[in-house]
Every structure is written in C-alpha cells, then in structure tokens.
Amino acid sequence: MLPSPAWLRDKSGKLTWINTAYLKAVDAHSEKEVIETQIELLESRHRRFIEQTLNKNEFFDEEIELIDR
C-alpha cells in the first residue's frame, strides 16, 4: 500500500483508479464514488500547471500545498 495519494487517468483525463490514500485525502466514501463523480485531489490551477509541464515532455517535480495555511 502506498502511503501517499496515487491515481491513474485515461487518455481523456478521467480518473480510472485511485488508492486508499487518495480516497482518504478527498474524504470520499468509496473508490466508486470518486471515479463516478471525478472527485479531484488537486485544484484546477495545480492540474493546469502540471499538465503544462508534462506537455513539454518535462518531469514534474514540484511541491504543491494541499492545505492553505
């Protein structure tokens, strides 16, 4: 079991798999709920930033705060 949230997406960007840490991080009741409703862990601004990096064929290696302090 991975201690950090992990997920897989299909070619269209939809979530297809999540691990238990992801489930707990988004406070969902089941993997089915997350997949059916596409509950995102990251805000859209973070997802866009990651996507831009990956589209340049670069490795994304940045820290993203999930909780504002």
N, C-alpha and C. Protein backbone atom coordinates (compact mmCIF):
# COMPACT_ATOMS: atom_id res chain seq x y z
N MET A 1 0.83 -1.18 0.00
CA MET A 1 0.00 0.00 0.00
C MET A 1 0.88 1.25 0.00
N LEU A 2 0.56 2.19 -0.88
CA LEU A 2 1.29 3.45 -0.94
C LEU A 2 0.79 4.40 0.14
N PRO A 3 1.68 5.08 0.86
CA PRO A 3 1.23 5.99 1.91
C PRO A 3 0.72 7.32 1.38
N SER A 4 1.06 7.66 0.15
CA SER A 4 0.64 8.92 -0.46
C SER A 4 -0.43 8.68 -1.51
N PRO A 5 -1.27 9.69 -1.75
CA PRO A 5 -2.30 9.53 -2.78
C PRO A 5 -1.69 9.24 -4.14
N ALA A 6 -2.31 8.31 -4.85
CA ALA A 6 -1.89 7.96 -6.21
C ALA A 6 -3.14 7.72 -7.04
N TRP A 7 -3.04 7.98 -8.36
CA TRP A 7 -4.19 7.81 -9.23
C TRP A 7 -3.73 7.59 -10.65
N LEU A 8 -4.65 7.05 -11.45
CA LEU A 8 -4.41 6.86 -12.88
C LEU A 8 -5.56 7.52 -13.63
N ARG A 9 -5.24 8.01 -14.82
CA ARG A 9 -6.24 8.64 -15.69
C ARG A 9 -6.21 7.95 -17.05
N ASP A 10 -7.34 8.04 -17.76
CA ASP A 10 -7.35 7.54 -19.14
C ASP A 10 -6.85 8.64 -20.07
N LYS A 11 -6.84 8.37 -21.35
CA LYS A 11 -6.31 9.35 -22.32
C LYS A 11 -7.10 10.64 -22.35
N SER A 12 -8.37 10.59 -21.94
CA SER A 12 -9.19 11.81 -21.94
C SER A 12 -9.03 12.59 -20.64
N GLY A 13 -8.26 12.05 -19.69
CA GLY A 13 -8.01 12.76 -18.44
C GLY A 13 -8.92 12.38 -17.29
N LYS A 14 -9.80 11.42 -17.51
CA LYS A 14 -10.71 11.00 -16.45
C LYS A 14 -10.02 10.03 -15.50
N LEU A 15 -10.32 10.17 -14.20
CA LEU A 15 -9.79 9.25 -13.21
C LEU A 15 -10.31 7.84 -13.49
N THR A 16 -9.40 6.86 -13.43
CA THR A 16 -9.81 5.47 -13.64
C THR A 16 -9.45 4.58 -12.46
N TRP A 17 -8.52 5.04 -11.63
CA TRP A 17 -8.11 4.26 -10.46
C TRP A 17 -7.55 5.22 -9.42
N ILE A 18 -7.81 4.91 -8.14
CA ILE A 18 -7.22 5.67 -7.03
C ILE A 18 -6.81 4.67 -5.95
N ASN A 19 -5.88 5.09 -5.11
CA ASN A 19 -5.52 4.23 -3.98
C ASN A 19 -6.24 4.70 -2.71
N THR A 20 -6.03 3.98 -1.63
CA THR A 20 -6.71 4.28 -0.37
C THR A 20 -6.33 5.65 0.17
N ALA A 21 -5.08 6.05 0.01
CA ALA A 21 -4.64 7.36 0.49
C ALA A 21 -5.37 8.48 -0.25
N TYR A 22 -5.62 8.31 -1.53
CA TYR A 22 -6.39 9.30 -2.31
C TYR A 22 -7.81 9.37 -1.76
N LEU A 23 -8.40 8.22 -1.54
CA LEU A 23 -9.76 8.13 -1.02
C LEU A 23 -9.88 8.90 0.29
N LYS A 24 -8.92 8.69 1.18
CA LYS A 24 -8.94 9.38 2.48
C LYS A 24 -8.69 10.88 2.31
N ALA A 25 -7.80 11.25 1.39
CA ALA A 25 -7.46 12.67 1.20
C ALA A 25 -8.63 13.49 0.70
N VAL A 26 -9.50 12.89 -0.10
CA VAL A 26 -10.65 13.64 -0.62
C VAL A 26 -11.90 13.39 0.23
N ASP A 27 -11.73 12.61 1.29
CA ASP A 27 -12.82 12.34 2.24
C ASP A 27 -14.05 11.75 1.57
N ALA A 28 -13.80 10.80 0.67
CA ALA A 28 -14.91 10.13 -0.03
C ALA A 28 -15.23 8.81 0.67
N HIS A 29 -16.39 8.25 0.33
CA HIS A 29 -16.83 7.01 0.96
C HIS A 29 -16.33 5.76 0.24
N SER A 30 -16.08 5.88 -1.07
CA SER A 30 -15.66 4.70 -1.82
C SER A 30 -14.91 5.10 -3.09
N GLU A 31 -14.15 4.13 -3.62
CA GLU A 31 -13.46 4.36 -4.89
C GLU A 31 -14.49 4.62 -5.99
N LYS A 32 -15.60 3.90 -5.94
CA LYS A 32 -16.66 4.06 -6.94
C LYS A 32 -17.18 5.50 -6.95
N GLU A 33 -17.38 6.08 -5.77
CA GLU A 33 -17.86 7.46 -5.67
C GLU A 33 -16.87 8.43 -6.33
N VAL A 34 -15.59 8.24 -6.06
CA VAL A 34 -14.57 9.12 -6.63
C VAL A 34 -14.53 9.01 -8.14
N ILE A 35 -14.54 7.78 -8.66
CA ILE A 35 -14.46 7.56 -10.10
C ILE A 35 -15.72 8.06 -10.81
N GLU A 36 -16.88 7.76 -10.25
CA GLU A 36 -18.13 8.18 -10.90
C GLU A 36 -18.31 9.69 -10.89
N THR A 37 -17.90 10.35 -9.82
CA THR A 37 -18.11 11.80 -9.73
C THR A 37 -16.84 12.60 -10.03
N GLN A 38 -15.74 11.87 -10.29
CA GLN A 38 -14.47 12.51 -10.65
C GLN A 38 -14.03 13.54 -9.60
N ILE A 39 -13.96 13.09 -8.35
CA ILE A 39 -13.52 13.96 -7.26
C ILE A 39 -12.01 14.18 -7.39
N GLU A 40 -11.63 15.41 -7.53
CA GLU A 40 -10.23 15.75 -7.75
C GLU A 40 -9.53 16.05 -6.42
N LEU A 41 -8.29 15.63 -6.32
CA LEU A 41 -7.45 15.92 -5.17
C LEU A 41 -6.85 17.31 -5.30
N LEU A 42 -6.42 17.66 -6.49
CA LEU A 42 -5.76 18.94 -6.73
C LEU A 42 -6.73 19.95 -7.33
N GLU A 43 -6.51 21.21 -7.00
CA GLU A 43 -7.31 22.28 -7.59
C GLU A 43 -6.99 22.39 -9.08
N SER A 44 -7.90 22.95 -9.84
CA SER A 44 -7.71 23.05 -11.29
C SER A 44 -6.46 23.83 -11.65
N ARG A 45 -6.10 24.85 -10.90
CA ARG A 45 -4.88 25.63 -11.20
C ARG A 45 -3.64 24.76 -11.06
N HIS A 46 -3.63 23.86 -10.09
CA HIS A 46 -2.50 22.95 -9.93
C HIS A 46 -2.45 21.94 -11.06
N ARG A 47 -3.61 21.42 -11.44
CA ARG A 47 -3.67 20.45 -12.52
C ARG A 47 -3.20 21.07 -13.84
N ARG A 48 -3.58 22.32 -14.11
CA ARG A 48 -3.13 23.00 -15.33
C ARG A 48 -1.61 23.16 -15.33
N PHE A 49 -1.04 23.54 -14.19
CA PHE A 49 0.39 23.72 -14.08
C PHE A 49 1.13 22.41 -14.36
N ILE A 50 0.65 21.33 -13.79
CA ILE A 50 1.25 20.01 -14.02
C ILE A 50 1.11 19.62 -15.48
N GLU A 51 -0.07 19.83 -16.04
CA GLU A 51 -0.31 19.46 -17.45
C GLU A 51 0.62 20.23 -18.38
N GLN A 52 0.82 21.52 -18.12
CA GLN A 52 1.71 22.32 -18.96
C GLN A 52 3.13 21.76 -18.93
N THR A 53 3.57 21.36 -17.75
CA THR A 53 4.92 20.79 -17.61
C THR A 53 5.03 19.48 -18.37
N LEU A 54 4.05 18.60 -18.18
CA LEU A 54 4.09 17.30 -18.85
C LEU A 54 3.97 17.43 -20.37
N ASN A 55 3.21 18.41 -20.84
CA ASN A 55 3.06 18.63 -22.29
C ASN A 55 4.37 19.05 -22.94
N LYS A 56 5.30 19.58 -22.15
CA LYS A 56 6.62 19.95 -22.66
C LYS A 56 7.59 18.78 -22.54
N ASN A 57 7.03 17.59 -22.23
CA ASN A 57 7.83 16.38 -22.03
C ASN A 57 8.87 16.56 -20.93
N GLU A 58 8.50 17.34 -19.92
CA GLU A 58 9.36 17.54 -18.77
C GLU A 58 8.80 16.76 -17.59
N PHE A 59 9.65 16.45 -16.65
CA PHE A 59 9.25 15.74 -15.44
C PHE A 59 8.76 16.76 -14.42
N PHE A 60 7.58 16.53 -13.87
CA PHE A 60 7.06 17.43 -12.85
C PHE A 60 7.62 17.04 -11.49
N ASP A 61 8.36 17.94 -10.88
CA ASP A 61 8.99 17.67 -9.60
C ASP A 61 8.90 18.90 -8.70
N GLU A 62 7.69 19.27 -8.39
CA GLU A 62 7.42 20.44 -7.56
C GLU A 62 6.58 20.01 -6.37
N GLU A 63 6.64 20.78 -5.29
CA GLU A 63 5.77 20.55 -4.16
C GLU A 63 4.53 21.41 -4.31
N ILE A 64 3.39 20.83 -4.01
CA ILE A 64 2.13 21.56 -4.06
C ILE A 64 1.47 21.43 -2.70
N GLU A 65 1.18 22.56 -2.07
CA GLU A 65 0.48 22.52 -0.79
C GLU A 65 -1.00 22.24 -1.03
N LEU A 66 -1.51 21.25 -0.34
CA LEU A 66 -2.92 20.90 -0.49
C LEU A 66 -3.79 21.62 0.51
N ILE A 67 -3.18 22.12 1.58
CA ILE A 67 -3.93 22.82 2.62
C ILE A 67 -3.35 24.21 2.77
N ASP A 68 -4.19 25.24 2.60
CA ASP A 68 -3.73 26.61 2.79
C ASP A 68 -3.50 26.86 4.28
N ARG A 69 -2.44 27.52 4.58
CA ARG A 69 -2.12 27.82 5.99
C ARG A 69 -2.29 29.27 6.27
